[in-house]
PDB file of all heavy atoms in Angstrom:
ATOM      1  N   CYS A   1      60.849 135.146  94.993  1.00  0.00           N
ATOM      2  CA  CYS A   1      61.456 136.361  95.539  1.00  0.00           C
ATOM      3  C   CYS A   1      61.002 137.524  94.659  1.00  0.00           C
ATOM      4  O   CYS A   1      60.014 137.410  93.951  1.00  0.00           O
ATOM      5  CB  CYS A   1      62.973 136.246  95.625  1.00  0.00           C
ATOM      6  SG  CYS A   1      63.807 136.134  94.035  1.00  0.00           S
ATOM      7  N   GLY A   2      61.716 138.614  94.677  1.00  0.00           N
ATOM      8  CA  GLY A   2      61.303 139.785  93.908  1.00  0.00           C
ATOM      9  C   GLY A   2      61.219 139.525  92.420  1.00  0.00           C
ATOM     10  O   GLY A   2      60.197 139.781  91.788  1.00  0.00           O
ATOM     11  N   THR A   3      62.297 138.998  91.836  1.00  0.00           N
ATOM     12  CA  THR A   3      62.310 138.710  90.400  1.00  0.00           C
ATOM     13  C   THR A   3      62.428 137.224  90.091  1.00  0.00           C
ATOM     14  O   THR A   3      62.118 136.797  88.984  1.00  0.00           O
ATOM     15  CB  THR A   3      63.489 139.413  89.694  1.00  0.00           C
ATOM     16  OG1 THR A   3      64.713 138.875  90.207  1.00  0.00           O
ATOM     17  CG2 THR A   3      63.428 140.925  89.886  1.00  0.00           C
ATOM     18  N   GLY A   4      62.921 136.439  91.024  1.00  0.00           N
ATOM     19  CA  GLY A   4      63.160 135.018  90.802  1.00  0.00           C
ATOM     20  C   GLY A   4      64.516 134.737  90.181  1.00  0.00           C
ATOM     21  O   GLY A   4      64.955 133.586  90.129  1.00  0.00           O
ATOM     22  N   ILE A   5      65.214 135.754  89.737  1.00  0.00           N
ATOM     23  CA  ILE A   5      66.472 135.569  89.015  1.00  0.00           C
ATOM     24  C   ILE A   5      67.564 134.998  89.921  1.00  0.00           C
ATOM     25  O   ILE A   5      68.170 133.964  89.617  1.00  0.00           O
ATOM     26  CB  ILE A   5      66.927 136.885  88.359  1.00  0.00           C
ATOM     27  CG1 ILE A   5      65.916 137.332  87.310  1.00  0.00           C
ATOM     28  CG2 ILE A   5      68.318 136.726  87.734  1.00  0.00           C
ATOM     29  CD1 ILE A   5      66.119 138.765  86.817  1.00  0.00           C
ATOM     30  N   GLY A   6      67.832 135.663  91.029  1.00  0.00           N
ATOM     31  CA  GLY A   6      68.885 135.202  91.936  1.00  0.00           C
ATOM     32  C   GLY A   6      68.603 133.835  92.508  1.00  0.00           C
ATOM     33  O   GLY A   6      69.507 133.003  92.656  1.00  0.00           O
ATOM     34  N   MET A   7      67.343 133.577  92.814  1.00  0.00           N
ATOM     35  CA  MET A   7      66.965 132.269  93.358  1.00  0.00           C
ATOM     36  C   MET A   7      67.210 131.175  92.320  1.00  0.00           C
ATOM     37  O   MET A   7      67.732 130.110  92.648  1.00  0.00           O
ATOM     38  CB  MET A   7      65.493 132.280  93.776  1.00  0.00           C
ATOM     39  CG  MET A   7      65.184 133.231  94.912  1.00  0.00           C
ATOM     40  SD  MET A   7      65.610 132.579  96.510  1.00  0.00           S
ATOM     41  CE  MET A   7      64.002 132.026  97.049  1.00  0.00           C
ATOM     42  N   SER A   8      66.842 131.434  91.073  1.00  0.00           N
ATOM     43  CA  SER A   8      67.023 130.405  90.045  1.00  0.00           C
ATOM     44  C   SER A   8      68.499 130.154  89.764  1.00  0.00           C
ATOM     45  O   SER A   8      68.918 129.011  89.600  1.00  0.00           O
ATOM     46  CB  SER A   8      66.268 130.761  88.766  1.00  0.00           C
ATOM     47  OG  SER A   8      66.777 131.929  88.167  1.00  0.00           O
ATOM     48  N   ILE A   9      69.293 131.221  89.719  1.00  0.00           N
ATOM     49  CA  ILE A   9      70.735 131.048  89.503  1.00  0.00           C
ATOM     50  C   ILE A   9      71.336 130.224  90.632  1.00  0.00           C
ATOM     51  O   ILE A   9      72.109 129.286  90.400  1.00  0.00           O
ATOM     52  CB  ILE A   9      71.440 132.414  89.378  1.00  0.00           C
ATOM     53  CG1 ILE A   9      71.029 133.108  88.084  1.00  0.00           C
ATOM     54  CG2 ILE A   9      72.955 132.262  89.468  1.00  0.00           C
ATOM     55  CD1 ILE A   9      71.472 134.563  87.987  1.00  0.00           C
ATOM     56  N   SER A  10      70.979 130.553  91.866  1.00  0.00           N
ATOM     57  CA  SER A  10      71.516 129.836  93.034  1.00  0.00           C
ATOM     58  C   SER A  10      71.106 128.365  93.015  1.00  0.00           C
ATOM     59  O   SER A  10      71.939 127.478  93.224  1.00  0.00           O
ATOM     60  CB  SER A  10      71.030 130.487  94.324  1.00  0.00           C
ATOM     61  OG  SER A  10      71.490 131.804  94.427  1.00  0.00           O
ATOM     62  N   ALA A  11      69.833 128.103  92.779  1.00  0.00           N
ATOM     63  CA  ALA A  11      69.339 126.720  92.784  1.00  0.00           C
ATOM     64  C   ALA A  11      70.034 125.886  91.716  1.00  0.00           C
ATOM     65  O   ALA A  11      70.360 124.718  91.941  1.00  0.00           O
ATOM     66  CB  ALA A  11      67.829 126.698  92.583  1.00  0.00           C
ATOM     67  N   ASN A  12      70.290 126.476  90.565  1.00  0.00           N
ATOM     68  CA  ASN A  12      70.907 125.734  89.468  1.00  0.00           C
ATOM     69  C   ASN A  12      72.375 125.409  89.700  1.00  0.00           C
ATOM     70  O   ASN A  12      72.967 124.655  88.919  1.00  0.00           O
ATOM     71  CB  ASN A  12      70.717 126.481  88.146  1.00  0.00           C
ATOM     72  CG  ASN A  12      69.355 126.208  87.562  1.00  0.00           C
ATOM     73  OD1 ASN A  12      68.872 125.075  87.587  1.00  0.00           O
ATOM     74  ND2 ASN A  12      68.717 127.242  87.046  1.00  0.00           N
ATOM     75  N   LYS A  13      72.963 125.901  90.768  1.00  0.00           N
ATOM     76  CA  LYS A  13      74.335 125.526  91.123  1.00  0.00           C
ATOM     77  C   LYS A  13      74.389 124.164  91.797  1.00  0.00           C
ATOM     78  O   LYS A  13      75.456 123.580  91.939  1.00  0.00           O
ATOM     79  CB  LYS A  13      74.970 126.582  92.051  1.00  0.00           C
ATOM     80  CG  LYS A  13      75.092 127.953  91.421  1.00  0.00           C
ATOM     81  CD  LYS A  13      75.960 127.928  90.176  1.00  0.00           C
ATOM     82  CE  LYS A  13      76.054 129.299  89.552  1.00  0.00           C
ATOM     83  NZ  LYS A  13      76.767 129.284  88.281  1.00  0.00           N
ATOM     84  N   VAL A  14      73.248 123.651  92.214  1.00  0.00           N
ATOM     85  CA  VAL A  14      73.179 122.353  92.878  1.00  0.00           C
ATOM     86  C   VAL A  14      73.035 121.264  91.817  1.00  0.00           C
ATOM     87  O   VAL A  14      72.130 121.315  90.980  1.00  0.00           O
ATOM     88  CB  VAL A  14      71.996 122.308  93.879  1.00  0.00           C
ATOM     89  CG1 VAL A  14      71.871 120.928  94.505  1.00  0.00           C
ATOM     90  CG2 VAL A  14      72.167 123.376  94.945  1.00  0.00           C
ATOM     91  N   MET A  15      73.931 120.297  91.867  1.00  0.00           N
ATOM     92  CA  MET A  15      73.923 119.212  90.882  1.00  0.00           C
ATOM     93  C   MET A  15      72.582 118.485  90.898  1.00  0.00           C
ATOM     94  O   MET A  15      72.062 118.141  91.949  1.00  0.00           O
ATOM     95  CB  MET A  15      75.052 118.227  91.182  1.00  0.00           C
ATOM     96  CG  MET A  15      75.249 117.208  90.095  1.00  0.00           C
ATOM     97  SD  MET A  15      76.822 116.381  90.320  1.00  0.00           S
ATOM     98  CE  MET A  15      76.323 114.698  90.153  1.00  0.00           C
ATOM     99  N   GLY A  16      72.036 118.288  89.724  1.00  0.00           N
ATOM    100  CA  GLY A  16      70.772 117.574  89.582  1.00  0.00           C
ATOM    101  C   GLY A  16      69.553 118.472  89.584  1.00  0.00           C
ATOM    102  O   GLY A  16      68.440 118.004  89.370  1.00  0.00           O
ATOM    103  N   ILE A  17      69.759 119.749  89.799  1.00  0.00           N
ATOM    104  CA  ILE A  17      68.629 120.673  89.818  1.00  0.00           C
ATOM    105  C   ILE A  17      68.446 121.290  88.447  1.00  0.00           C
ATOM    106  O   ILE A  17      69.395 121.699  87.793  1.00  0.00           O
ATOM    107  CB  ILE A  17      68.831 121.773  90.888  1.00  0.00           C
ATOM    108  CG1 ILE A  17      68.755 121.144  92.275  1.00  0.00           C
ATOM    109  CG2 ILE A  17      67.797 122.886  90.743  1.00  0.00           C
ATOM    110  CD1 ILE A  17      67.442 120.428  92.592  1.00  0.00           C
ATOM    111  N   ARG A  18      67.199 121.311  88.034  1.00  0.00           N
ATOM    112  CA  ARG A  18      66.798 121.986  86.806  1.00  0.00           C
ATOM    113  C   ARG A  18      65.736 123.003  87.199  1.00  0.00           C
ATOM    114  O   ARG A  18      64.542 122.727  87.168  1.00  0.00           O
ATOM    115  CB  ARG A  18      66.283 120.961  85.786  1.00  0.00           C
ATOM    116  CG  ARG A  18      67.383 120.028  85.286  1.00  0.00           C
ATOM    117  CD  ARG A  18      66.855 118.906  84.414  1.00  0.00           C
ATOM    118  NE  ARG A  18      65.817 118.115  85.069  1.00  0.00           N
ATOM    119  CZ  ARG A  18      66.043 117.185  85.995  1.00  0.00           C
ATOM    120  NH1 ARG A  18      67.274 116.904  86.386  1.00  0.00           N
ATOM    121  NH2 ARG A  18      65.036 116.526  86.529  1.00  0.00           N
ATOM    122  N   CYS A  19      66.216 124.154  87.632  1.00  0.00           N
ATOM    123  CA  CYS A  19      65.324 125.220  88.087  1.00  0.00           C
ATOM    124  C   CYS A  19      64.977 126.110  86.908  1.00  0.00           C
ATOM    125  O   CYS A  19      65.853 126.589  86.193  1.00  0.00           O
ATOM    126  CB  CYS A  19      65.998 126.046  89.180  1.00  0.00           C
ATOM    127  SG  CYS A  19      64.973 127.410  89.772  1.00  0.00           S
ATOM    128  N   ALA A  20      63.693 126.326  86.722  1.00  0.00           N
ATOM    129  CA  ALA A  20      63.208 127.172  85.635  1.00  0.00           C
ATOM    130  C   ALA A  20      62.595 128.446  86.211  1.00  0.00           C
ATOM    131  O   ALA A  20      61.757 128.383  87.111  1.00  0.00           O
ATOM    132  CB  ALA A  20      62.172 126.426  84.812  1.00  0.00           C
ATOM    133  N   LEU A  21      63.040 129.574  85.701  1.00  0.00           N
ATOM    134  CA  LEU A  21      62.445 130.858  86.039  1.00  0.00           C
ATOM    135  C   LEU A  21      61.278 131.069  85.086  1.00  0.00           C
ATOM    136  O   LEU A  21      61.464 131.162  83.868  1.00  0.00           O
ATOM    137  CB  LEU A  21      63.479 131.973  85.890  1.00  0.00           C
ATOM    138  CG  LEU A  21      62.983 133.400  86.108  1.00  0.00           C
ATOM    139  CD1 LEU A  21      62.365 133.574  87.481  1.00  0.00           C
ATOM    140  CD2 LEU A  21      64.127 134.378  85.894  1.00  0.00           C
ATOM    141  N   VAL A  22      60.073 131.112  85.621  1.00  0.00           N
ATOM    142  CA  VAL A  22      58.869 131.106  84.798  1.00  0.00           C
ATOM    143  C   VAL A  22      57.948 132.261  85.189  1.00  0.00           C
ATOM    144  O   VAL A  22      57.691 132.478  86.372  1.00  0.00           O
ATOM    145  CB  VAL A  22      58.117 129.761  84.958  1.00  0.00           C
ATOM    146  CG1 VAL A  22      56.793 129.784  84.230  1.00  0.00           C
ATOM    147  CG2 VAL A  22      58.969 128.607  84.453  1.00  0.00           C
ATOM    148  N   HIS A  23      57.451 132.946  84.157  1.00  0.00           N
ATOM    149  CA  HIS A  23      56.495 134.028  84.385  1.00  0.00           C
ATOM    150  C   HIS A  23      55.287 133.939  83.468  1.00  0.00           C
ATOM    151  O   HIS A  23      54.565 134.920  83.286  1.00  0.00           O
ATOM    152  CB  HIS A  23      57.195 135.387  84.236  1.00  0.00           C
ATOM    153  CG  HIS A  23      58.197 135.617  85.308  1.00  0.00           C
ATOM    154  ND1 HIS A  23      59.505 135.953  85.049  1.00  0.00           N
ATOM    155  CD2 HIS A  23      58.103 135.530  86.650  1.00  0.00           C
ATOM    156  CE1 HIS A  23      60.162 136.074  86.191  1.00  0.00           C
ATOM    157  NE2 HIS A  23      59.336 135.814  87.168  1.00  0.00           N
ATOM    158  N   ASP A  24      55.072 132.749  82.877  1.00  0.00           N
ATOM    159  CA  ASP A  24      53.876 132.536  82.049  1.00  0.00           C
ATOM    160  C   ASP A  24      53.506 131.060  82.078  1.00  0.00           C
ATOM    161  O   ASP A  24      54.346 130.203  82.363  1.00  0.00           O
ATOM    162  CB  ASP A  24      54.101 133.028  80.612  1.00  0.00           C
ATOM    163  CG  ASP A  24      55.179 132.244  79.901  1.00  0.00           C
ATOM    164  OD1 ASP A  24      54.860 131.186  79.322  1.00  0.00           O
ATOM    165  OD2 ASP A  24      56.353 132.665  79.939  1.00  0.00           O
ATOM    166  N   VAL A  25      52.267 130.763  81.798  1.00  0.00           N
ATOM    167  CA  VAL A  25      51.739 129.407  81.892  1.00  0.00           C
ATOM    168  C   VAL A  25      52.350 128.479  80.837  1.00  0.00           C
ATOM    169  O   VAL A  25      52.670 127.324  81.121  1.00  0.00           O
ATOM    170  CB  VAL A  25      50.194 129.414  81.797  1.00  0.00           C
ATOM    171  CG1 VAL A  25      49.631 128.005  81.757  1.00  0.00           C
ATOM    172  CG2 VAL A  25      49.602 130.189  82.970  1.00  0.00           C
TER     173      VAL A  25
END
């Protein structure tokens, strides 16, 4: 999305998800 912040916060509310917001290799 625009920043990835809201998407990562939302995804991490799901049990078992380890969502990482990444902007570098």
